[in-house]
Amino acid sequence: MSIYTPTNCPPAEEIDIPAMHAKYLRERDRRIKKEANDQYISASGKWADIYEVDPYTPIAPREPITGETDVVILGAGYCGMMVAAQLKKAGIDNFYNVDHGGNFGGTWYW
């Protein structure tokens, strides 16, 4: 017996994927702030070192990733990896896991 019930969605062939994608691009464009990363502040105070530094993995400097993606998964812990696995099963390969830590693993990593 399953505790999960299927989402009440129309059959896949009835969904206008290009129209849905265009809608989400329009909504994304409405929300992108011109100031981009300038809107954020760095952690400071006595906890800054704990928050800003992964104690197990040194930061590897790299150039920013640019370009289009279908999905951004915030977090590379257990749930983030499960979302990635489900996306792969669904045939979606153009996604990124974004995490503050230097590696995958979440709770057991820290």
N, C-alpha and C. Protein backbone atom coordinates (compact mmCIF):
# COMPACT_ATOMS: atom_id res chain seq x y z
N MET A 1 0.83 -1.17 0.00
CA MET A 1 0.00 0.00 0.00
C MET A 1 0.88 1.25 0.00
N SER A 2 0.58 2.20 -0.86
CA SER A 2 1.36 3.42 -0.97
C SER A 2 0.66 4.57 -0.25
N ILE A 3 1.46 5.42 0.37
CA ILE A 3 0.89 6.61 1.00
C ILE A 3 0.82 7.77 0.01
N TYR A 4 1.36 7.58 -1.17
CA TYR A 4 1.39 8.62 -2.17
C TYR A 4 0.23 8.46 -3.14
N THR A 5 -0.31 9.57 -3.56
CA THR A 5 -1.35 9.54 -4.58
C THR A 5 -0.84 10.34 -5.78
N PRO A 6 -1.19 9.91 -6.97
CA PRO A 6 -0.71 10.62 -8.15
C PRO A 6 -1.24 12.06 -8.20
N THR A 7 -0.43 12.94 -8.74
CA THR A 7 -0.86 14.32 -8.95
C THR A 7 -1.92 14.32 -10.03
N ASN A 8 -2.92 15.13 -9.85
CA ASN A 8 -4.01 15.22 -10.83
C ASN A 8 -3.57 16.09 -12.00
N CYS A 9 -2.87 15.50 -12.94
CA CYS A 9 -2.37 16.21 -14.12
C CYS A 9 -3.02 15.64 -15.37
N PRO A 10 -3.11 16.46 -16.42
CA PRO A 10 -3.60 15.91 -17.68
C PRO A 10 -2.55 14.96 -18.26
N PRO A 11 -2.94 14.11 -19.19
CA PRO A 11 -1.97 13.24 -19.85
C PRO A 11 -0.87 14.08 -20.51
N ALA A 12 0.33 13.54 -20.55
CA ALA A 12 1.48 14.27 -21.09
C ALA A 12 1.23 14.80 -22.49
N GLU A 13 0.54 14.03 -23.31
CA GLU A 13 0.32 14.47 -24.70
C GLU A 13 -0.61 15.67 -24.79
N GLU A 14 -1.33 15.98 -23.71
CA GLU A 14 -2.23 17.14 -23.71
C GLU A 14 -1.55 18.41 -23.18
N ILE A 15 -0.35 18.28 -22.66
CA ILE A 15 0.35 19.44 -22.10
C ILE A 15 1.16 20.11 -23.20
N ASP A 16 0.96 21.40 -23.37
CA ASP A 16 1.70 22.19 -24.37
C ASP A 16 3.02 22.63 -23.73
N ILE A 17 4.03 21.77 -23.84
CA ILE A 17 5.32 22.02 -23.20
C ILE A 17 5.96 23.32 -23.68
N PRO A 18 6.01 23.59 -25.00
CA PRO A 18 6.62 24.87 -25.43
C PRO A 18 5.90 26.09 -24.84
N ALA A 19 4.58 26.06 -24.76
CA ALA A 19 3.84 27.19 -24.17
C ALA A 19 4.15 27.32 -22.68
N MET A 20 4.23 26.17 -21.99
CA MET A 20 4.55 26.21 -20.56
C MET A 20 5.96 26.75 -20.34
N HIS A 21 6.89 26.30 -21.17
CA HIS A 21 8.27 26.77 -21.06
C HIS A 21 8.34 28.27 -21.29
N ALA A 22 7.64 28.76 -22.32
CA ALA A 22 7.61 30.20 -22.61
C ALA A 22 7.02 30.99 -21.44
N LYS A 23 5.99 30.45 -20.83
CA LYS A 23 5.37 31.11 -19.67
C LYS A 23 6.37 31.25 -18.53
N TYR A 24 7.09 30.17 -18.23
CA TYR A 24 8.04 30.22 -17.13
C TYR A 24 9.22 31.14 -17.45
N LEU A 25 9.64 31.21 -18.72
CA LEU A 25 10.70 32.16 -19.09
C LEU A 25 10.23 33.59 -18.89
N ARG A 26 8.98 33.89 -19.26
CA ARG A 26 8.43 35.24 -19.04
C ARG A 26 8.39 35.57 -17.55
N GLU A 27 7.95 34.62 -16.74
CA GLU A 27 7.89 34.85 -15.30
C GLU A 27 9.28 35.03 -14.71
N ARG A 28 10.23 34.24 -15.17
CA ARG A 28 11.61 34.38 -14.69
C ARG A 28 12.15 35.76 -15.03
N ASP A 29 11.93 36.20 -16.28
CA ASP A 29 12.42 37.50 -16.71
C ASP A 29 11.81 38.64 -15.90
N ARG A 30 10.58 38.48 -15.46
CA ARG A 30 9.94 39.51 -14.63
C ARG A 30 10.61 39.62 -13.27
N ARG A 31 11.22 38.54 -12.79
CA ARG A 31 11.75 38.51 -11.43
C ARG A 31 13.26 38.72 -11.33
N ILE A 32 13.96 38.65 -12.44
CA ILE A 32 15.41 38.84 -12.39
C ILE A 32 15.71 40.29 -12.04
N LYS A 33 16.49 40.48 -11.01
CA LYS A 33 16.83 41.84 -10.58
C LYS A 33 18.06 42.32 -11.32
N LYS A 34 18.01 43.57 -11.72
CA LYS A 34 19.13 44.14 -12.47
C LYS A 34 20.42 44.16 -11.65
N GLU A 35 20.28 44.32 -10.33
CA GLU A 35 21.47 44.39 -9.49
C GLU A 35 22.10 43.03 -9.21
N ALA A 36 21.44 41.96 -9.63
CA ALA A 36 21.95 40.58 -9.53
C ALA A 36 22.60 40.31 -8.18
N ASN A 37 23.86 39.95 -8.17
CA ASN A 37 24.52 39.55 -6.93
C ASN A 37 24.74 40.69 -5.96
N ASP A 38 24.62 41.95 -6.41
CA ASP A 38 24.79 43.08 -5.50
C ASP A 38 23.71 43.12 -4.43
N GLN A 39 22.63 42.38 -4.61
CA GLN A 39 21.54 42.39 -3.63
C GLN A 39 21.86 41.55 -2.39
N TYR A 40 22.93 40.77 -2.43
CA TYR A 40 23.27 39.89 -1.32
C TYR A 40 24.40 40.47 -0.48
N ILE A 41 24.45 40.10 0.78
CA ILE A 41 25.54 40.51 1.65
C ILE A 41 26.24 39.26 2.17
N SER A 42 27.48 39.43 2.56
CA SER A 42 28.24 38.30 3.11
C SER A 42 27.93 38.14 4.59
N ALA A 43 28.07 36.92 5.06
CA ALA A 43 27.91 36.66 6.49
C ALA A 43 29.06 37.33 7.23
N SER A 44 28.77 37.84 8.42
CA SER A 44 29.83 38.48 9.20
C SER A 44 29.58 38.18 10.68
N GLY A 45 30.52 38.58 11.50
CA GLY A 45 30.38 38.34 12.93
C GLY A 45 31.08 37.06 13.35
N LYS A 46 30.76 36.61 14.56
CA LYS A 46 31.50 35.47 15.11
C LYS A 46 31.24 34.16 14.39
N TRP A 47 30.14 34.03 13.64
CA TRP A 47 29.82 32.79 12.95
C TRP A 47 30.24 32.80 11.48
N ALA A 48 30.83 33.89 11.01
CA ALA A 48 31.16 34.01 9.59
C ALA A 48 32.07 32.88 9.12
N ASP A 49 33.11 32.57 9.90
CA ASP A 49 34.04 31.53 9.47
C ASP A 49 33.36 30.17 9.36
N ILE A 50 32.45 29.89 10.25
CA ILE A 50 31.75 28.61 10.21
C ILE A 50 30.84 28.53 8.99
N TYR A 51 30.17 29.62 8.69
CA TYR A 51 29.23 29.61 7.57
C TYR A 51 29.94 29.66 6.22
N GLU A 52 30.98 30.46 6.12
CA GLU A 52 31.61 30.72 4.83
C GLU A 52 32.61 29.65 4.40
N VAL A 53 33.07 28.83 5.31
CA VAL A 53 34.15 27.89 4.99
C VAL A 53 33.67 26.46 5.19
N ASP A 54 33.89 25.65 4.17
CA ASP A 54 33.64 24.21 4.29
C ASP A 54 34.87 23.62 4.98
N PRO A 55 34.73 23.06 6.18
CA PRO A 55 35.90 22.59 6.91
C PRO A 55 36.55 21.34 6.31
N TYR A 56 35.90 20.69 5.37
CA TYR A 56 36.41 19.44 4.83
C TYR A 56 36.95 19.53 3.41
N THR A 57 36.55 20.56 2.68
CA THR A 57 36.95 20.68 1.29
C THR A 57 37.38 22.11 1.00
N PRO A 58 38.63 22.32 0.59
CA PRO A 58 39.03 23.69 0.25
C PRO A 58 38.26 24.17 -0.98
N ILE A 59 38.02 25.47 -1.03
CA ILE A 59 37.31 26.05 -2.17
C ILE A 59 38.20 25.96 -3.39
N ALA A 60 37.67 25.46 -4.48
CA ALA A 60 38.39 25.38 -5.74
C ALA A 60 37.90 26.53 -6.62
N PRO A 61 38.71 27.58 -6.78
CA PRO A 61 38.27 28.72 -7.60
C PRO A 61 37.97 28.27 -9.03
N ARG A 62 36.93 28.83 -9.59
CA ARG A 62 36.55 28.52 -10.97
C ARG A 62 35.77 29.69 -11.53
N GLU A 63 35.64 29.70 -12.83
CA GLU A 63 34.83 30.72 -13.50
C GLU A 63 33.35 30.41 -13.27
N PRO A 64 32.51 31.44 -13.30
CA PRO A 64 31.06 31.18 -13.16
C PRO A 64 30.54 30.33 -14.31
N ILE A 65 29.52 29.56 -14.02
CA ILE A 65 28.84 28.79 -15.05
C ILE A 65 27.81 29.71 -15.69
N THR A 66 27.84 29.82 -16.99
CA THR A 66 26.88 30.66 -17.69
C THR A 66 26.11 29.81 -18.68
N GLY A 67 25.00 30.32 -19.13
CA GLY A 67 24.20 29.59 -20.11
C GLY A 67 22.83 29.25 -19.57
N GLU A 68 22.07 28.59 -20.38
CA GLU A 68 20.71 28.21 -20.03
C GLU A 68 20.69 26.83 -19.39
N THR A 69 19.78 26.63 -18.47
CA THR A 69 19.55 25.32 -17.87
C THR A 69 18.05 25.14 -17.68
N ASP A 70 17.63 23.91 -17.61
CA ASP A 70 16.20 23.64 -17.41
C ASP A 70 15.81 23.72 -15.95
N VAL A 71 16.71 23.26 -15.06
CA VAL A 71 16.39 23.18 -13.63
C VAL A 71 17.63 23.53 -12.82
N VAL A 72 17.43 24.28 -11.74
CA VAL A 72 18.48 24.51 -10.75
C VAL A 72 17.97 23.92 -9.44
N ILE A 73 18.72 22.97 -8.90
CA ILE A 73 18.36 22.33 -7.63
C ILE A 73 19.19 23.00 -6.55
N LEU A 74 18.52 23.63 -5.59
CA LEU A 74 19.22 24.29 -4.50
C LEU A 74 19.49 23.27 -3.40
N GLY A 75 20.74 22.85 -3.33
CA GLY A 75 21.13 21.86 -2.34
C GLY A 75 21.62 20.59 -2.99
N ALA A 76 22.67 20.02 -2.40
CA ALA A 76 23.22 18.77 -2.91
C ALA A 76 23.26 17.73 -1.79
N GLY A 77 22.36 17.88 -0.85
CA GLY A 77 22.20 16.88 0.20
C GLY A 77 21.30 15.77 -0.29
N TYR A 78 20.75 15.02 0.64
CA TYR A 78 19.92 13.87 0.29
C TYR A 78 18.77 14.25 -0.65
N CYS A 79 18.01 15.27 -0.27
CA CYS A 79 16.85 15.65 -1.10
C CYS A 79 17.28 16.18 -2.46
N GLY A 80 18.34 16.99 -2.49
CA GLY A 80 18.82 17.50 -3.77
C GLY A 80 19.26 16.39 -4.70
N MET A 81 19.91 15.37 -4.15
CA MET A 81 20.34 14.24 -4.98
C MET A 81 19.14 13.41 -5.43
N MET A 82 18.13 13.30 -4.58
CA MET A 82 16.92 12.55 -4.97
C MET A 82 16.18 13.27 -6.11
N VAL A 83 16.12 14.60 -6.02
CA VAL A 83 15.50 15.37 -7.11
C VAL A 83 16.28 15.15 -8.40
N ALA A 84 17.61 15.20 -8.32
CA ALA A 84 18.43 14.98 -9.51
C ALA A 84 18.18 13.59 -10.10
N ALA A 85 18.08 12.59 -9.25
CA ALA A 85 17.83 11.22 -9.73
C ALA A 85 16.47 11.14 -10.44
N GLN A 86 15.46 11.79 -9.88
CA GLN A 86 14.13 11.77 -10.50
C GLN A 86 14.13 12.52 -11.83
N LEU A 87 14.88 13.62 -11.90
CA LEU A 87 14.98 14.34 -13.17
C LEU A 87 15.64 13.47 -14.24
N LYS A 88 16.71 12.76 -13.86
CA LYS A 88 17.37 11.86 -14.80
C LYS A 88 16.41 10.78 -15.28
N LYS A 89 15.63 10.21 -14.36
CA LYS A 89 14.64 9.19 -14.74
C LYS A 89 13.62 9.75 -15.72
N ALA A 90 13.30 11.04 -15.55
CA ALA A 90 12.31 11.68 -16.43
C ALA A 90 12.92 12.14 -17.75
N GLY A 91 14.23 11.90 -17.93
CA GLY A 91 14.88 12.27 -19.18
C GLY A 91 15.37 13.71 -19.22
N ILE A 92 15.43 14.37 -18.07
CA ILE A 92 15.91 15.76 -18.01
C ILE A 92 17.36 15.72 -17.55
N ASP A 93 18.26 16.16 -18.44
CA ASP A 93 19.69 16.10 -18.15
C ASP A 93 20.32 17.47 -17.95
N ASN A 94 19.61 18.54 -18.30
CA ASN A 94 20.18 19.88 -18.26
C ASN A 94 19.81 20.54 -16.93
N PHE A 95 20.53 20.14 -15.84
CA PHE A 95 20.26 20.71 -14.53
C PHE A 95 21.56 20.84 -13.75
N TYR A 96 21.52 21.68 -12.73
CA TYR A 96 22.65 21.87 -11.83
C TYR A 96 22.18 21.72 -10.39
N ASN A 97 23.02 21.09 -9.56
CA ASN A 97 22.84 21.13 -8.11
C ASN A 97 23.75 22.25 -7.60
N VAL A 98 23.19 23.17 -6.85
CA VAL A 98 23.97 24.28 -6.29
C VAL A 98 23.98 24.11 -4.77
N ASP A 99 25.18 24.07 -4.20
CA ASP A 99 25.29 23.87 -2.75
C ASP A 99 26.47 24.67 -2.23
N HIS A 100 26.34 25.13 -1.01
CA HIS A 100 27.41 25.90 -0.38
C HIS A 100 28.59 25.01 0.00
N GLY A 101 28.34 23.77 0.29
CA GLY A 101 29.40 22.84 0.66
C GLY A 101 30.28 22.49 -0.54
N GLY A 102 31.43 21.93 -0.26
CA GLY A 102 32.37 21.60 -1.31
C GLY A 102 32.13 20.26 -1.96
N ASN A 103 31.10 19.53 -1.52
CA ASN A 103 30.86 18.21 -2.07
C ASN A 103 29.39 17.84 -1.85
N PHE A 104 28.99 16.73 -2.40
CA PHE A 104 27.63 16.23 -2.21
C PHE A 104 27.53 15.48 -0.89
N GLY A 105 26.35 15.42 -0.32
CA GLY A 105 26.17 14.58 0.85
C GLY A 105 25.31 15.15 1.95
N GLY A 106 25.22 16.46 2.04
CA GLY A 106 24.32 17.05 3.03
C GLY A 106 24.64 16.67 4.46
N THR A 107 23.66 16.18 5.18
CA THR A 107 23.76 15.94 6.62
C THR A 107 24.94 15.06 7.00
N TRP A 108 25.12 13.96 6.31
CA TRP A 108 26.22 13.07 6.69
C TRP A 108 27.57 13.60 6.23
N TYR A 109 27.56 14.55 5.30
CA TYR A 109 28.82 15.15 4.84
C TYR A 109 29.39 16.06 5.91
N TRP A 110 28.54 16.89 6.52
CA TRP A 110 29.00 17.84 7.52
C TRP A 110 29.23 17.13 8.83
